[in-house]
Protein backbone atom coordinates (compact mmCIF):
# COMPACT_ATOMS: atom_id res chain seq x y z
CA MET A 1 105.61 17.84 -188.79
CA ASP A 2 105.88 16.44 -184.99
CA ALA A 3 108.76 17.14 -182.97
CA ARG A 4 110.59 13.63 -182.28
CA PHE A 5 111.68 12.12 -179.26
CA PHE A 6 114.46 10.25 -180.75
CA ASN A 7 117.59 11.12 -182.65
CA GLU A 8 120.51 9.21 -184.78
CA THR A 9 122.77 10.38 -182.24
CA MET A 10 120.97 9.15 -179.23
CA THR A 11 122.61 5.61 -177.93
CA ILE A 12 120.89 2.51 -177.36
CA ASN A 13 121.06 2.71 -173.49
CA ARG A 14 119.98 6.39 -173.44
CA VAL A 15 116.73 5.08 -175.23
CA VAL A 16 116.29 1.97 -173.33
CA GLN A 17 116.65 4.09 -169.96
CA GLU A 18 114.54 6.60 -170.98
CA PHE A 19 112.09 4.31 -173.14
CA PRO A 20 111.84 0.91 -171.91
CA GLU A 21 109.36 0.02 -173.95
CA ALA A 22 111.40 0.62 -176.73
CA ARG A 23 113.25 -2.53 -175.87
CA ARG A 24 111.11 -4.05 -177.85
CA VAL A 25 111.90 -2.63 -180.82
CA PHE A 26 115.36 -3.42 -180.42
CA GLU A 27 114.85 -7.68 -179.90
CA ARG A 28 112.35 -7.48 -182.84
CA LEU A 29 115.36 -5.92 -185.02
CA PHE A 30 118.03 -8.49 -183.28
CA ILE A 31 120.20 -5.47 -181.75
CA ASN A 32 122.12 -6.94 -178.91
CA VAL A 33 120.71 -4.29 -176.52
CA PRO A 34 123.44 -5.23 -173.81
CA ALA A 35 126.75 -5.76 -176.47
CA GLU A 36 125.31 -2.70 -178.62
CA GLY A 37 123.80 0.17 -175.41
CA CYS A 38 126.99 2.76 -175.87
CA THR A 39 126.28 2.95 -179.57
CA CYS A 40 124.44 5.38 -181.57
CA LEU A 41 121.14 4.69 -183.48
CA ASP A 42 122.71 5.85 -187.01
CA GLU A 43 125.57 3.50 -185.96
CA VAL A 44 123.50 0.23 -184.78
CA ALA A 45 120.71 1.35 -188.20
CA TRP A 46 123.51 1.13 -190.25
CA ARG A 47 125.50 -2.15 -188.74
CA HIS A 48 121.64 -3.93 -188.73
CA GLY A 49 121.33 -3.18 -193.01
CA LEU A 50 118.40 -0.51 -192.10
CA GLU A 51 117.71 2.94 -192.94
CA VAL A 52 118.01 5.16 -189.37
CA GLU A 53 115.00 6.99 -190.57
CA GLU A 54 113.15 3.30 -190.26
CA LEU A 55 114.72 2.58 -186.80
CA LEU A 56 113.62 6.19 -185.59
CA ASP A 57 110.39 5.50 -186.76
CA ALA A 58 109.64 2.08 -184.85
CA LEU A 59 110.68 3.80 -181.87
CA GLU A 60 108.10 6.90 -182.16
CA VAL A 61 105.29 4.10 -182.71
CA ALA A 62 106.41 1.82 -179.98
CA THR A 63 106.84 4.84 -177.35
CA LYS A 64 104.13 7.04 -179.05
CA SER A 65 101.29 5.51 -176.57
CA CYS A 66 103.21 6.72 -173.11
CA PHE A 67 103.10 10.21 -174.06
CA CYS A 68 99.83 13.03 -173.48
CA PRO A 69 98.66 14.58 -176.22
CA THR A 70 100.86 17.53 -174.91
CA GLY A 71 103.85 15.45 -175.67
CA GLU A 72 104.86 15.59 -171.85
CA PRO A 73 105.74 12.10 -170.99
CA SER A 74 103.13 10.29 -169.30
CA ALA A 75 103.00 9.49 -165.07
CA GLN A 76 101.52 6.16 -165.89
CA GLY A 77 103.22 3.41 -164.30
CA ASP A 78 105.95 5.81 -162.53
CA PRO A 79 105.07 6.32 -159.17
CA VAL A 80 107.37 9.03 -158.22
CA ALA A 81 106.25 11.17 -161.56
CA ALA A 82 102.73 10.14 -160.57
CA ALA A 83 103.17 12.15 -156.92
CA ARG A 84 104.28 15.50 -158.37
């Protein structure tokens, strides 16, 4: 099984800060990022009638293209990381 970048105890704010492209997943699921930002993914999934695994899977799929085959975050689009 592949390692996950997300877990149920992460907050929405942390996910969006580390993976800005994840915001689209929250918007598609009608999750209000500003209002629910300090809430963990497990709680948010429950509030919106989702299984937490469904939410985690959606986030993984949405952010998969942002990672290199090694599993490390890509420097693409990050001028600071690209300069290292």
